Amino acid sequence: MKEGLKRRLFRFDHEGWNNPWYGFVAAPIVTALGISIGELFGVHLVSSALAEDLIVLLCMVVTIVVGFTGVALIDMSR
């Protein structure tokens, strides 16, 4: 993994970002997207309420990781 990408994804401060507002804007958007995807598909994939919540959590985590990786790649290209 590139050093610039590691610096953006694995640190919790905004010193590695060219524009620190990317994190503040991207975080709620990708979280809401993950919850929406999980709620939409969780009902069709499993039959128990606990499993639906786990599907929502999994979708939320996956979209946060993928979303922040995409935002970091955009930030690196600028």
PDB file of N, CA and C in Angstrom:
ATOM      1  N   MET A   1       0.842  -1.161   0.000  1.00  0.00           N
ATOM      2  CA  MET A   1       0.000   0.000   0.000  1.00  0.00           C
ATOM      3  C   MET A   1       0.899   1.239   0.000  1.00  0.00           C
ATOM      4  N   LYS A   2       0.504   2.229  -0.716  1.00  0.00           N
ATOM      5  CA  LYS A   2       1.302   3.445  -0.793  1.00  0.00           C
ATOM      6  C   LYS A   2       1.357   4.136   0.560  1.00  0.00           C
ATOM      7  N   GLU A   3       2.463   4.819   0.817  1.00  0.00           N
ATOM      8  CA  GLU A   3       2.640   5.527   2.094  1.00  0.00           C
ATOM      9  C   GLU A   3       1.579   6.595   2.287  1.00  0.00           C
ATOM     10  N   GLY A   4       1.257   7.330   1.221  1.00  0.00           N
ATOM     11  CA  GLY A   4       0.250   8.387   1.334  1.00  0.00           C
ATOM     12  C   GLY A   4      -1.121   7.840   1.679  1.00  0.00           C
ATOM     13  N   LEU A   5      -1.450   6.681   1.126  1.00  0.00           N
ATOM     14  CA  LEU A   5      -2.738   6.066   1.417  1.00  0.00           C
ATOM     15  C   LEU A   5      -2.780   5.553   2.847  1.00  0.00           C
ATOM     16  N   LYS A   6      -1.698   4.944   3.302  1.00  0.00           N
ATOM     17  CA  LYS A   6      -1.628   4.491   4.701  1.00  0.00           C
ATOM     18  C   LYS A   6      -1.778   5.662   5.661  1.00  0.00           C
ATOM     19  N   ARG A   7      -1.111   6.753   5.329  1.00  0.00           N
ATOM     20  CA  ARG A   7      -1.149   7.926   6.202  1.00  0.00           C
ATOM     21  C   ARG A   7      -2.565   8.487   6.304  1.00  0.00           C
ATOM     22  N   ARG A   8      -3.334   8.401   5.235  1.00  0.00           N
ATOM     23  CA  ARG A   8      -4.691   8.931   5.258  1.00  0.00           C
ATOM     24  C   ARG A   8      -5.675   7.978   5.936  1.00  0.00           C
ATOM     25  N   LEU A   9      -5.477   6.680   5.784  1.00  0.00           N
ATOM     26  CA  LEU A   9      -6.468   5.724   6.281  1.00  0.00           C
ATOM     27  C   LEU A   9      -6.237   5.277   7.718  1.00  0.00           C
ATOM     28  N   PHE A  10      -5.007   5.228   8.173  1.00  0.00           N
ATOM     29  CA  PHE A  10      -4.729   4.641   9.481  1.00  0.00           C
ATOM     30  C   PHE A  10      -4.396   5.656  10.567  1.00  0.00           C
ATOM     31  N   ARG A  11      -4.516   6.927  10.275  1.00  0.00           N
ATOM     32  CA  ARG A  11      -4.315   7.956  11.298  1.00  0.00           C
ATOM     33  C   ARG A  11      -5.641   8.637  11.569  1.00  0.00           C
ATOM     34  N   PHE A  12      -5.832   9.076  12.792  1.00  0.00           N
ATOM     35  CA  PHE A  12      -7.107   9.684  13.157  1.00  0.00           C
ATOM     36  C   PHE A  12      -7.065  11.208  13.151  1.00  0.00           C
ATOM     37  N   ASP A  13      -5.893  11.783  12.902  1.00  0.00           N
ATOM     38  CA  ASP A  13      -5.837  13.230  12.750  1.00  0.00           C
ATOM     39  C   ASP A  13      -5.908  13.565  11.257  1.00  0.00           C
ATOM     40  N   HIS A  14      -5.978  14.825  10.937  1.00  0.00           N
ATOM     41  CA  HIS A  14      -6.160  15.232   9.542  1.00  0.00           C
ATOM     42  C   HIS A  14      -4.901  15.819   8.928  1.00  0.00           C
ATOM     43  N   GLU A  15      -3.750  15.541   9.517  1.00  0.00           N
ATOM     44  CA  GLU A  15      -2.506  16.086   8.988  1.00  0.00           C
ATOM     45  C   GLU A  15      -2.100  15.447   7.665  1.00  0.00           C
ATOM     46  N   GLY A  16      -2.513  14.221   7.411  1.00  0.00           N
ATOM     47  CA  GLY A  16      -2.127  13.539   6.189  1.00  0.00           C
ATOM     48  C   GLY A  16      -2.965  13.918   4.984  1.00  0.00           C
ATOM     49  N   TRP A  17      -4.083  14.586   5.208  1.00  0.00           N
ATOM     50  CA  TRP A  17      -4.997  14.918   4.126  1.00  0.00           C
ATOM     51  C   TRP A  17      -4.641  16.275   3.535  1.00  0.00           C
ATOM     52  N   ASN A  18      -4.811  16.405   2.229  1.00  0.00           N
ATOM     53  CA  ASN A  18      -4.653  17.708   1.590  1.00  0.00           C
ATOM     54  C   ASN A  18      -5.806  18.628   1.966  1.00  0.00           C
ATOM     55  N   ASN A  19      -7.003  18.080   2.045  1.00  0.00           N
ATOM     56  CA  ASN A  19      -8.183  18.833   2.445  1.00  0.00           C
ATOM     57  C   ASN A  19      -8.823  18.092   3.616  1.00  0.00           C
ATOM     58  N   PRO A  20      -8.728  18.608   4.834  1.00  0.00           N
ATOM     59  CA  PRO A  20      -9.249  17.878   5.997  1.00  0.00           C
ATOM     60  C   PRO A  20     -10.764  17.754   6.011  1.00  0.00           C
ATOM     61  N   TRP A  21     -11.466  18.504   5.188  1.00  0.00           N
ATOM     62  CA  TRP A  21     -12.923  18.426   5.175  1.00  0.00           C
ATOM     63  C   TRP A  21     -13.436  17.159   4.502  1.00  0.00           C
ATOM     64  N   TYR A  22     -12.596  16.454   3.773  1.00  0.00           N
ATOM     65  CA  TYR A  22     -13.030  15.204   3.149  1.00  0.00           C
ATOM     66  C   TYR A  22     -13.561  14.228   4.192  1.00  0.00           C
ATOM     67  N   GLY A  23     -12.880  14.110   5.306  1.00  0.00           N
ATOM     68  CA  GLY A  23     -13.317  13.193   6.360  1.00  0.00           C
ATOM     69  C   GLY A  23     -14.633  13.596   6.981  1.00  0.00           C
ATOM     70  N   PHE A  24     -14.809  14.888   7.217  1.00  0.00           N
ATOM     71  CA  PHE A  24     -16.046  15.369   7.829  1.00  0.00           C
ATOM     72  C   PHE A  24     -17.242  15.234   6.895  1.00  0.00           C
ATOM     73  N   VAL A  25     -17.015  15.352   5.611  1.00  0.00           N
ATOM     74  CA  VAL A  25     -18.102  15.241   4.643  1.00  0.00           C
ATOM     75  C   VAL A  25     -18.361  13.784   4.281  1.00  0.00           C
ATOM     76  N   ALA A  26     -17.305  13.006   4.114  1.00  0.00           N
ATOM     77  CA  ALA A  26     -17.458  11.621   3.656  1.00  0.00           C
ATOM     78  C   ALA A  26     -18.002  10.699   4.735  1.00  0.00           C
ATOM     79  N   ALA A  27     -17.658  10.926   5.990  1.00  0.00           N
ATOM     80  CA  ALA A  27     -18.053  10.008   7.062  1.00  0.00           C
ATOM     81  C   ALA A  27     -19.565   9.822   7.162  1.00  0.00           C
ATOM     82  N   PRO A  28     -20.368  10.873   7.262  1.00  0.00           N
ATOM     83  CA  PRO A  28     -21.811  10.642   7.364  1.00  0.00           C
ATOM     84  C   PRO A  28     -22.423  10.104   6.079  1.00  0.00           C
ATOM     85  N   ILE A  29     -21.853  10.485   4.941  1.00  0.00           N
ATOM     86  CA  ILE A  29     -22.415  10.022   3.670  1.00  0.00           C
ATOM     87  C   ILE A  29     -22.206   8.524   3.501  1.00  0.00           C
ATOM     88  N   VAL A  30     -20.983   8.039   3.712  1.00  0.00           N
ATOM     89  CA  VAL A  30     -20.744   6.607   3.523  1.00  0.00           C
ATOM     90  C   VAL A  30     -21.406   5.784   4.625  1.00  0.00           C
ATOM     91  N   THR A  31     -21.543   6.337   5.821  1.00  0.00           N
ATOM     92  CA  THR A  31     -22.247   5.624   6.884  1.00  0.00           C
ATOM     93  C   THR A  31     -23.724   5.478   6.543  1.00  0.00           C
ATOM     94  N   ALA A  32     -24.346   6.550   6.095  1.00  0.00           N
ATOM     95  CA  ALA A  32     -25.760   6.490   5.713  1.00  0.00           C
ATOM     96  C   ALA A  32     -25.971   5.553   4.530  1.00  0.00           C
ATOM     97  N   LEU A  33     -25.039   5.560   3.591  1.00  0.00           N
ATOM     98  CA  LEU A  33     -25.135   4.650   2.449  1.00  0.00           C
ATOM     99  C   LEU A  33     -25.047   3.195   2.904  1.00  0.00           C
ATOM    100  N   GLY A  34     -24.127   2.900   3.808  1.00  0.00           N
ATOM    101  CA  GLY A  34     -23.991   1.534   4.314  1.00  0.00           C
ATOM    102  C   GLY A  34     -25.217   1.069   5.080  1.00  0.00           C
ATOM    103  N   ILE A  35     -25.773   1.945   5.908  1.00  0.00           N
ATOM    104  CA  ILE A  35     -26.982   1.584   6.651  1.00  0.00           C
ATOM    105  C   ILE A  35     -28.140   1.357   5.692  1.00  0.00           C
ATOM    106  N   SER A  36     -28.266   2.202   4.671  1.00  0.00           N
ATOM    107  CA  SER A  36     -29.346   2.037   3.695  1.00  0.00           C
ATOM    108  C   SER A  36     -29.215   0.728   2.929  1.00  0.00           C
ATOM    109  N   ILE A  37     -28.010   0.407   2.504  1.00  0.00           N
ATOM    110  CA  ILE A  37     -27.792  -0.852   1.784  1.00  0.00           C
ATOM    111  C   ILE A  37     -28.089  -2.037   2.693  1.00  0.00           C
ATOM    112  N   GLY A  38     -27.628  -1.970   3.934  1.00  0.00           N
ATOM    113  CA  GLY A  38     -27.885  -3.058   4.876  1.00  0.00           C
ATOM    114  C   GLY A  38     -29.356  -3.247   5.178  1.00  0.00           C
ATOM    115  N   GLU A  39     -30.081  -2.148   5.354  1.00  0.00           N
ATOM    116  CA  GLU A  39     -31.522  -2.243   5.610  1.00  0.00           C
ATOM    117  C   GLU A  39     -32.257  -2.779   4.389  1.00  0.00           C
ATOM    118  N   LEU A  40     -31.818  -2.388   3.218  1.00  0.00           N
ATOM    119  CA  LEU A  40     -32.484  -2.820   1.993  1.00  0.00           C
ATOM    120  C   LEU A  40     -32.291  -4.312   1.734  1.00  0.00           C
ATOM    121  N   PHE A  41     -31.053  -4.789   1.879  1.00  0.00           N
ATOM    122  CA  PHE A  41     -30.765  -6.177   1.545  1.00  0.00           C
ATOM    123  C   PHE A  41     -30.786  -7.114   2.742  1.00  0.00           C
ATOM    124  N   GLY A  42     -30.697  -6.592   3.955  1.00  0.00           N
ATOM    125  CA  GLY A  42     -30.678  -7.446   5.143  1.00  0.00           C
ATOM    126  C   GLY A  42     -31.951  -8.244   5.322  1.00  0.00           C
ATOM    127  N   VAL A  43     -33.062  -7.665   4.956  1.00  0.00           N
ATOM    128  CA  VAL A  43     -34.350  -8.343   5.097  1.00  0.00           C
ATOM    129  C   VAL A  43     -34.432  -9.544   4.164  1.00  0.00           C
ATOM    130  N   HIS A  44     -33.827  -9.452   3.016  1.00  0.00           N
ATOM    131  CA  HIS A  44     -33.915 -10.519   2.023  1.00  0.00           C
ATOM    132  C   HIS A  44     -32.870 -11.616   2.221  1.00  0.00           C
ATOM    133  N   LEU A  45     -31.807 -11.323   2.957  1.00  0.00           N
ATOM    134  CA  LEU A  45     -30.730 -12.294   3.104  1.00  0.00           C
ATOM    135  C   LEU A  45     -30.908 -13.226   4.293  1.00  0.00           C
ATOM    136  N   VAL A  46     -31.495 -12.748   5.372  1.00  0.00           N
ATOM    137  CA  VAL A  46     -31.606 -13.536   6.600  1.00  0.00           C
ATOM    138  C   VAL A  46     -33.016 -13.420   7.155  1.00  0.00           C
ATOM    139  N   SER A  47     -33.326 -14.286   8.134  1.00  0.00           N
ATOM    140  CA  SER A  47     -34.682 -14.283   8.670  1.00  0.00           C
ATOM    141  C   SER A  47     -34.774 -13.837  10.126  1.00  0.00           C
ATOM    142  N   SER A  48     -33.664 -13.722  10.830  1.00  0.00           N
ATOM    143  CA  SER A  48     -33.745 -13.317  12.233  1.00  0.00           C
ATOM    144  C   SER A  48     -33.398 -11.836  12.388  1.00  0.00           C
ATOM    145  N   ALA A  49     -33.911 -11.239  13.442  1.00  0.00           N
ATOM    146  CA  ALA A  49     -33.683  -9.814  13.683  1.00  0.00           C
ATOM    147  C   ALA A  49     -32.216  -9.532  14.002  1.00  0.00           C
ATOM    148  N   LEU A  50     -31.586 -10.420  14.757  1.00  0.00           N
ATOM    149  CA  LEU A  50     -30.172 -10.229  15.088  1.00  0.00           C
ATOM    150  C   LEU A  50     -29.301 -10.289  13.836  1.00  0.00           C
ATOM    151  N   ALA A  51     -29.593 -11.229  12.959  1.00  0.00           N
ATOM    152  CA  ALA A  51     -28.815 -11.352  11.725  1.00  0.00           C
ATOM    153  C   ALA A  51     -29.012 -10.131  10.828  1.00  0.00           C
ATOM    154  N   GLU A  52     -30.220  -9.567  10.817  1.00  0.00           N
ATOM    155  CA  GLU A  52     -30.450  -8.349  10.043  1.00  0.00           C
ATOM    156  C   GLU A  52     -29.581  -7.206  10.563  1.00  0.00           C
ATOM    157  N   ASP A  53     -29.497  -7.078  11.889  1.00  0.00           N
ATOM    158  CA  ASP A  53     -28.658  -6.029  12.473  1.00  0.00           C
ATOM    159  C   ASP A  53     -27.185  -6.256  12.150  1.00  0.00           C
ATOM    160  N   LEU A  54     -26.760  -7.515  12.145  1.00  0.00           N
ATOM    161  CA  LEU A  54     -25.371  -7.819  11.803  1.00  0.00           C
ATOM    162  C   LEU A  54     -25.075  -7.523  10.335  1.00  0.00           C
ATOM    163  N   ILE A  55     -26.046  -7.777   9.460  1.00  0.00           N
ATOM    164  CA  ILE A  55     -25.887  -7.450   8.038  1.00  0.00           C
ATOM    165  C   ILE A  55     -25.763  -5.938   7.861  1.00  0.00           C
ATOM    166  N   VAL A  56     -26.589  -5.178   8.591  1.00  0.00           N
ATOM    167  CA  VAL A  56     -26.510  -3.715   8.523  1.00  0.00           C
ATOM    168  C   VAL A  56     -25.143  -3.241   9.001  1.00  0.00           C
ATOM    169  N   LEU A  57     -24.660  -3.800  10.102  1.00  0.00           N
ATOM    170  CA  LEU A  57     -23.348  -3.427  10.631  1.00  0.00           C
ATOM    171  C   LEU A  57     -22.237  -3.772   9.640  1.00  0.00           C
ATOM    172  N   LEU A  58     -22.308  -4.951   9.056  1.00  0.00           N
ATOM    173  CA  LEU A  58     -21.308  -5.362   8.073  1.00  0.00           C
ATOM    174  C   LEU A  58     -21.313  -4.434   6.859  1.00  0.00           C
ATOM    175  N   CYS A  59     -22.491  -4.120   6.349  1.00  0.00           N
ATOM    176  CA  CYS A  59     -22.580  -3.215   5.195  1.00  0.00           C
ATOM    177  C   CYS A  59     -22.050  -1.832   5.538  1.00  0.00           C
ATOM    178  N   MET A  60     -22.324  -1.367   6.752  1.00  0.00           N
ATOM    179  CA  MET A  60     -21.840  -0.059   7.173  1.00  0.00           C
ATOM    180  C   MET A  60     -20.312  -0.037   7.224  1.00  0.00           C
ATOM    181  N   VAL A  61     -19.717  -1.073   7.801  1.00  0.00           N
ATOM    182  CA  VAL A  61     -18.252  -1.134   7.908  1.00  0.00           C
ATOM    183  C   VAL A  61     -17.613  -1.222   6.525  1.00  0.00           C
ATOM    184  N   VAL A  62     -18.175  -2.046   5.661  1.00  0.00           N
ATOM    185  CA  VAL A  62     -17.608  -2.206   4.317  1.00  0.00           C
ATOM    186  C   VAL A  62     -17.690  -0.899   3.534  1.00  0.00           C
ATOM    187  N   THR A  63     -18.832  -0.210   3.601  1.00  0.00           N
ATOM    188  CA  THR A  63     -18.934   1.043   2.855  1.00  0.00           C
ATOM    189  C   THR A  63     -18.037   2.131   3.438  1.00  0.00           C
ATOM    190  N   ILE A  64     -17.813   2.122   4.749  1.00  0.00           N
ATOM    191  CA  ILE A  64     -16.893   3.100   5.340  1.00  0.00           C
ATOM    192  C   ILE A  64     -15.471   2.850   4.847  1.00  0.00           C
ATOM    193  N   VAL A  65     -15.047   1.599   4.841  1.00  0.00           N
ATOM    194  CA  VAL A  65     -13.686   1.276   4.386  1.00  0.00           C
ATOM    195  C   VAL A  65     -13.522   1.601   2.905  1.00  0.00           C
ATOM    196  N   VAL A  66     -14.463   1.168   2.090  1.00  0.00           N
ATOM    197  CA  VAL A  66     -14.371   1.421   0.651  1.00  0.00           C
ATOM    198  C   VAL A  66     -14.515   2.913   0.361  1.00  0.00           C
ATOM    199  N   GLY A  67     -15.440   3.567   1.046  1.00  0.00           N
ATOM    200  CA  GLY A  67     -15.655   4.994   0.821  1.00  0.00           C
ATOM    201  C   GLY A  67     -14.454   5.835   1.192  1.00  0.00           C
ATOM    202  N   PHE A  68     -13.867   5.559   2.358  1.00  0.00           N
ATOM    203  CA  PHE A  68     -12.700   6.336   2.760  1.00  0.00           C
ATOM    204  C   PHE A  68     -11.487   6.028   1.891  1.00  0.00           C
ATOM    205  N   THR A  69     -11.378   4.806   1.393  1.00  0.00           N
ATOM    206  CA  THR A  69     -10.293   4.497   0.458  1.00  0.00           C
ATOM    207  C   THR A  69     -10.469   5.298  -0.828  1.00  0.00           C
ATOM    208  N   GLY A  70     -11.691   5.370  -1.317  1.00  0.00           N
ATOM    209  CA  GLY A  70     -11.958   6.174  -2.512  1.00  0.00           C
ATOM    210  C   GLY A  70     -11.678   7.647  -2.297  1.00  0.00           C
ATOM    211  N   VAL A  71     -12.105   8.165  -1.152  1.00  0.00           N
ATOM    212  CA  VAL A  71     -11.853   9.575  -0.849  1.00  0.00           C
ATOM    213  C   VAL A  71     -10.352   9.831  -0.698  1.00  0.00           C
ATOM    214  N   ALA A  72      -9.631   8.890  -0.095  1.00  0.00           N
ATOM    215  CA  ALA A  72      -8.180   9.046   0.048  1.00  0.00           C
ATOM    216  C   ALA A  72      -7.495   9.027  -1.317  1.00  0.00           C
ATOM    217  N   LEU A  73      -7.963   8.182  -2.219  1.00  0.00           N
ATOM    218  CA  LEU A  73      -7.379   8.153  -3.567  1.00  0.00           C
ATOM    219  C   LEU A  73      -7.658   9.453  -4.312  1.00  0.00           C
ATOM    220  N   ILE A  74      -8.860   9.999  -4.137  1.00  0.00           N
ATOM    221  CA  ILE A  74      -9.174  11.288  -4.751  1.00  0.00           C
ATOM    222  C   ILE A  74      -8.287  12.378  -4.164  1.00  0.00           C
ATOM    223  N   ASP A  75      -8.107  12.344  -2.850  1.00  0.00           N
ATOM    224  CA  ASP A  75      -7.280  13.357  -2.190  1.00  0.00           C
ATOM    225  C   ASP A  75      -5.820  13.247  -2.617  1.00  0.00           C
ATOM    226  N   MET A  76      -5.346  12.037  -2.860  1.00  0.00           N
ATOM    227  CA  MET A  76      -3.959  11.851  -3.287  1.00  0.00           C
ATOM    228  C   MET A  76      -3.736  12.367  -4.706  1.00  0.00           C
ATOM    229  N   SER A  77      -4.767  12.299  -5.544  1.00  0.00           N
ATOM    230  CA  SER A  77      -4.602  12.713  -6.935  1.00  0.00           C
ATOM    231  C   SER A  77      -4.612  14.229  -7.094  1.00  0.00           C
ATOM    232  N   ARG A  78      -5.052  14.952  -6.091  1.00  0.00           N
ATOM    233  CA  ARG A  78      -5.121  16.426  -6.182  1.00  0.00           C
ATOM    234  C   ARG A  78      -3.886  17.058  -5.669  1.00  0.00           C
TER     235      ARG A  78
END
